[in-house]
Amino acid sequence: MADGIAISETFEITGRGTVAVIDEVTDRSVGKAHRVELIKPTGEIVGTEAFKERLLRRDHVPLESEAYLLKGIQKADIPPGSRLRFVE
């Protein structure tokens, strides 16, 4: 298995930055800075801070995923197949 957690979706929040969605639920705190590494399919690793965000989705089925606002990262910097690794 590859290192890190697969990023399933990315989007931008105007005036705030880029968000990466992972399909896992963790016990990490909302609003607290978490050190992470963005691992691109090429093997390139980019370190940054991530802030867990609450996802508000209107859907008839529960969604179990988390979103992280990545500081200093643009959506175009996250190619398909990228992963997110938390550095504790």
N, C-alpha and C. Protein backbone atom coordinates (compact mmCIF):
# COMPACT_ATOMS: atom_id res chain seq x y z
N MET A 1 0.84 -1.19 0.00
CA MET A 1 0.00 0.00 0.00
C MET A 1 0.89 1.25 0.00
N ALA A 2 0.47 2.24 -0.76
CA ALA A 2 1.22 3.50 -0.81
C ALA A 2 1.10 4.23 0.52
N ASP A 3 2.10 5.04 0.80
CA ASP A 3 2.12 5.81 2.03
C ASP A 3 1.12 6.96 1.95
N GLY A 4 0.46 7.27 3.04
CA GLY A 4 -0.48 8.38 3.08
C GLY A 4 -1.90 7.94 2.76
N ILE A 5 -2.80 8.92 2.78
CA ILE A 5 -4.22 8.68 2.54
C ILE A 5 -4.58 9.29 1.20
N ALA A 6 -5.29 8.54 0.36
CA ALA A 6 -5.66 9.03 -0.97
C ALA A 6 -6.55 10.26 -0.87
N ILE A 7 -6.27 11.24 -1.72
CA ILE A 7 -7.11 12.43 -1.83
C ILE A 7 -8.18 12.12 -2.87
N SER A 8 -9.45 12.17 -2.45
CA SER A 8 -10.54 11.79 -3.35
C SER A 8 -11.11 12.96 -4.12
N GLU A 9 -10.90 14.18 -3.63
CA GLU A 9 -11.49 15.36 -4.27
C GLU A 9 -10.71 16.59 -3.82
N THR A 10 -10.67 17.59 -4.68
CA THR A 10 -10.09 18.89 -4.31
C THR A 10 -11.01 19.99 -4.80
N PHE A 11 -11.02 21.09 -4.07
CA PHE A 11 -11.77 22.27 -4.50
C PHE A 11 -11.18 23.49 -3.82
N GLU A 12 -11.54 24.66 -4.33
CA GLU A 12 -11.03 25.90 -3.76
C GLU A 12 -12.14 26.66 -3.05
N ILE A 13 -11.78 27.28 -1.92
CA ILE A 13 -12.68 28.17 -1.20
C ILE A 13 -12.17 29.58 -1.48
N THR A 14 -12.99 30.37 -2.13
CA THR A 14 -12.59 31.72 -2.51
C THR A 14 -12.08 32.51 -1.30
N GLY A 15 -10.89 33.05 -1.45
CA GLY A 15 -10.30 33.86 -0.40
C GLY A 15 -9.65 33.07 0.72
N ARG A 16 -9.73 31.75 0.67
CA ARG A 16 -9.13 30.94 1.75
C ARG A 16 -8.07 29.98 1.25
N GLY A 17 -8.32 29.28 0.15
CA GLY A 17 -7.33 28.34 -0.35
C GLY A 17 -7.93 27.06 -0.88
N THR A 18 -7.07 26.06 -1.00
CA THR A 18 -7.43 24.77 -1.59
C THR A 18 -7.73 23.74 -0.50
N VAL A 19 -8.76 22.95 -0.75
CA VAL A 19 -9.19 21.93 0.19
C VAL A 19 -8.99 20.55 -0.45
N ALA A 20 -8.44 19.62 0.32
CA ALA A 20 -8.30 18.24 -0.11
C ALA A 20 -9.24 17.39 0.75
N VAL A 21 -10.02 16.52 0.10
CA VAL A 21 -10.96 15.65 0.79
C VAL A 21 -10.38 14.24 0.82
N ILE A 22 -10.44 13.62 1.99
CA ILE A 22 -10.02 12.22 2.14
C ILE A 22 -11.23 11.41 2.59
N ASP A 23 -11.27 10.16 2.18
CA ASP A 23 -12.40 9.30 2.51
C ASP A 23 -12.15 8.49 3.78
N GLU A 24 -11.60 9.14 4.77
CA GLU A 24 -11.38 8.51 6.07
C GLU A 24 -11.83 9.47 7.15
N VAL A 25 -12.23 8.93 8.26
CA VAL A 25 -12.62 9.74 9.41
C VAL A 25 -11.53 9.57 10.46
N THR A 26 -11.02 10.70 10.96
CA THR A 26 -9.96 10.67 11.96
C THR A 26 -10.43 11.40 13.21
N ASP A 27 -9.62 11.37 14.23
CA ASP A 27 -9.95 12.09 15.47
C ASP A 27 -9.21 13.43 15.55
N ARG A 28 -8.68 13.90 14.43
CA ARG A 28 -7.97 15.18 14.42
C ARG A 28 -8.95 16.32 14.68
N SER A 29 -8.47 17.35 15.37
CA SER A 29 -9.32 18.48 15.77
C SER A 29 -9.60 19.42 14.61
N VAL A 30 -10.83 19.93 14.57
CA VAL A 30 -11.23 20.93 13.59
C VAL A 30 -10.59 22.27 13.97
N GLY A 31 -10.07 23.00 12.97
CA GLY A 31 -9.52 24.33 13.20
C GLY A 31 -8.10 24.36 13.73
N LYS A 32 -7.52 23.22 14.07
CA LYS A 32 -6.15 23.17 14.58
C LYS A 32 -5.20 22.86 13.43
N ALA A 33 -4.02 23.48 13.44
CA ALA A 33 -3.03 23.23 12.39
C ALA A 33 -2.45 21.82 12.54
N HIS A 34 -2.39 21.10 11.44
CA HIS A 34 -1.80 19.77 11.39
C HIS A 34 -0.70 19.80 10.33
N ARG A 35 0.49 19.33 10.67
CA ARG A 35 1.57 19.25 9.68
C ARG A 35 1.29 18.07 8.76
N VAL A 36 1.36 18.32 7.45
CA VAL A 36 1.11 17.27 6.47
C VAL A 36 2.13 17.33 5.35
N GLU A 37 2.21 16.24 4.62
CA GLU A 37 2.98 16.18 3.39
C GLU A 37 2.05 15.77 2.27
N LEU A 38 2.07 16.53 1.19
CA LEU A 38 1.35 16.19 -0.01
C LEU A 38 2.28 15.33 -0.86
N ILE A 39 1.87 14.11 -1.14
CA ILE A 39 2.70 13.18 -1.91
C ILE A 39 2.09 13.06 -3.30
N LYS A 40 2.82 13.55 -4.29
CA LYS A 40 2.33 13.52 -5.67
C LYS A 40 2.67 12.17 -6.30
N PRO A 41 1.94 11.77 -7.34
CA PRO A 41 2.22 10.49 -7.99
C PRO A 41 3.65 10.36 -8.51
N THR A 42 4.31 11.47 -8.77
CA THR A 42 5.70 11.46 -9.24
C THR A 42 6.68 11.14 -8.13
N GLY A 43 6.18 11.16 -6.87
CA GLY A 43 7.06 10.94 -5.73
C GLY A 43 7.48 12.24 -5.06
N GLU A 44 7.21 13.37 -5.70
CA GLU A 44 7.52 14.66 -5.11
C GLU A 44 6.71 14.85 -3.83
N ILE A 45 7.34 15.37 -2.79
CA ILE A 45 6.68 15.59 -1.50
C ILE A 45 6.75 17.07 -1.17
N VAL A 46 5.59 17.65 -0.83
CA VAL A 46 5.50 19.05 -0.48
C VAL A 46 4.93 19.15 0.94
N GLY A 47 5.66 19.78 1.85
CA GLY A 47 5.20 19.95 3.22
C GLY A 47 4.38 21.22 3.37
N THR A 48 3.36 21.17 4.20
CA THR A 48 2.51 22.33 4.46
C THR A 48 1.73 22.11 5.75
N GLU A 49 0.91 23.10 6.09
CA GLU A 49 -0.01 22.96 7.21
C GLU A 49 -1.41 22.73 6.64
N ALA A 50 -2.18 21.92 7.35
CA ALA A 50 -3.56 21.64 6.95
C ALA A 50 -4.47 21.90 8.13
N PHE A 51 -5.62 22.47 7.83
CA PHE A 51 -6.63 22.75 8.85
C PHE A 51 -7.88 21.96 8.49
N LYS A 52 -8.32 21.11 9.42
CA LYS A 52 -9.52 20.31 9.18
C LYS A 52 -10.73 21.23 9.09
N GLU A 53 -11.54 21.02 8.06
CA GLU A 53 -12.75 21.81 7.83
C GLU A 53 -13.97 20.91 7.98
N ARG A 54 -15.08 21.53 8.32
CA ARG A 54 -16.34 20.78 8.35
C ARG A 54 -16.95 20.81 6.96
N LEU A 55 -17.41 19.66 6.49
CA LEU A 55 -18.07 19.59 5.20
C LEU A 55 -19.57 19.66 5.40
N LEU A 56 -20.21 20.53 4.67
CA LEU A 56 -21.67 20.62 4.70
C LEU A 56 -22.16 20.19 3.33
N ARG A 57 -22.73 19.02 3.27
CA ARG A 57 -23.25 18.50 2.00
C ARG A 57 -24.69 18.11 2.20
N ARG A 58 -25.48 18.48 1.25
CA ARG A 58 -26.89 18.12 1.29
C ARG A 58 -27.08 16.88 0.43
N ASP A 59 -27.21 15.76 1.09
CA ASP A 59 -27.36 14.48 0.41
C ASP A 59 -28.22 13.58 1.28
N HIS A 60 -28.87 12.62 0.67
CA HIS A 60 -29.76 11.74 1.44
C HIS A 60 -29.03 10.56 2.08
N VAL A 61 -27.74 10.43 1.82
CA VAL A 61 -26.95 9.37 2.46
C VAL A 61 -25.81 10.00 3.25
N PRO A 62 -25.45 9.40 4.38
CA PRO A 62 -24.33 9.96 5.15
C PRO A 62 -23.02 9.85 4.38
N LEU A 63 -22.19 10.87 4.50
CA LEU A 63 -20.88 10.88 3.86
C LEU A 63 -19.82 10.85 4.94
N GLU A 64 -18.96 9.86 4.87
CA GLU A 64 -17.90 9.76 5.86
C GLU A 64 -16.58 10.14 5.19
N SER A 65 -16.27 11.42 5.27
CA SER A 65 -15.02 11.93 4.72
C SER A 65 -14.65 13.18 5.48
N GLU A 66 -13.42 13.61 5.30
CA GLU A 66 -12.93 14.81 5.96
C GLU A 66 -12.28 15.72 4.93
N ALA A 67 -12.27 17.00 5.22
CA ALA A 67 -11.67 17.98 4.32
C ALA A 67 -10.60 18.77 5.07
N TYR A 68 -9.51 19.05 4.39
CA TYR A 68 -8.40 19.79 4.97
C TYR A 68 -8.01 20.95 4.07
N LEU A 69 -8.01 22.16 4.63
CA LEU A 69 -7.56 23.36 3.94
C LEU A 69 -6.03 23.34 3.95
N LEU A 70 -5.42 23.32 2.78
CA LEU A 70 -3.97 23.22 2.66
C LEU A 70 -3.38 24.60 2.41
N LYS A 71 -2.57 25.08 3.32
CA LYS A 71 -1.97 26.41 3.22
C LYS A 71 -0.89 26.45 2.14
N GLY A 72 -0.99 27.45 1.26
CA GLY A 72 0.03 27.66 0.25
C GLY A 72 0.00 26.70 -0.92
N ILE A 73 -1.05 25.89 -1.03
CA ILE A 73 -1.16 24.91 -2.11
C ILE A 73 -2.32 25.31 -3.03
N GLN A 74 -2.08 25.31 -4.32
CA GLN A 74 -3.12 25.59 -5.31
C GLN A 74 -3.73 24.28 -5.78
N LYS A 75 -4.98 24.34 -6.22
CA LYS A 75 -5.65 23.13 -6.71
C LYS A 75 -4.84 22.47 -7.84
N ALA A 76 -4.27 23.30 -8.71
CA ALA A 76 -3.48 22.77 -9.83
C ALA A 76 -2.22 22.04 -9.36
N ASP A 77 -1.81 22.25 -8.10
CA ASP A 77 -0.62 21.59 -7.55
C ASP A 77 -0.92 20.18 -7.03
N ILE A 78 -2.19 19.75 -7.11
CA ILE A 78 -2.59 18.44 -6.58
C ILE A 78 -3.10 17.57 -7.73
N PRO A 79 -2.21 16.86 -8.40
CA PRO A 79 -2.64 16.02 -9.52
C PRO A 79 -3.43 14.80 -9.04
N PRO A 80 -4.26 14.23 -9.91
CA PRO A 80 -4.97 13.00 -9.54
C PRO A 80 -3.97 11.94 -9.08
N GLY A 81 -4.36 11.18 -8.07
CA GLY A 81 -3.49 10.14 -7.52
C GLY A 81 -2.62 10.62 -6.37
N SER A 82 -2.75 11.89 -6.00
CA SER A 82 -1.97 12.42 -4.87
C SER A 82 -2.50 11.86 -3.55
N ARG A 83 -1.63 11.90 -2.54
CA ARG A 83 -1.97 11.39 -1.21
C ARG A 83 -1.58 12.42 -0.16
N LEU A 84 -2.16 12.29 1.01
CA LEU A 84 -1.88 13.20 2.12
C LEU A 84 -1.35 12.38 3.29
N ARG A 85 -0.18 12.77 3.79
CA ARG A 85 0.42 12.07 4.94
C ARG A 85 0.51 13.04 6.10
N PHE A 86 0.00 12.64 7.24
CA PHE A 86 0.05 13.47 8.45
C PHE A 86 1.38 13.22 9.16
N VAL A 87 2.06 14.30 9.52
CA VAL A 87 3.36 14.23 10.17
C VAL A 87 3.13 14.61 11.62
N GLU A 88 3.28 13.65 12.52
CA GLU A 88 2.99 13.90 13.93
C GLU A 88 4.21 14.34 14.69
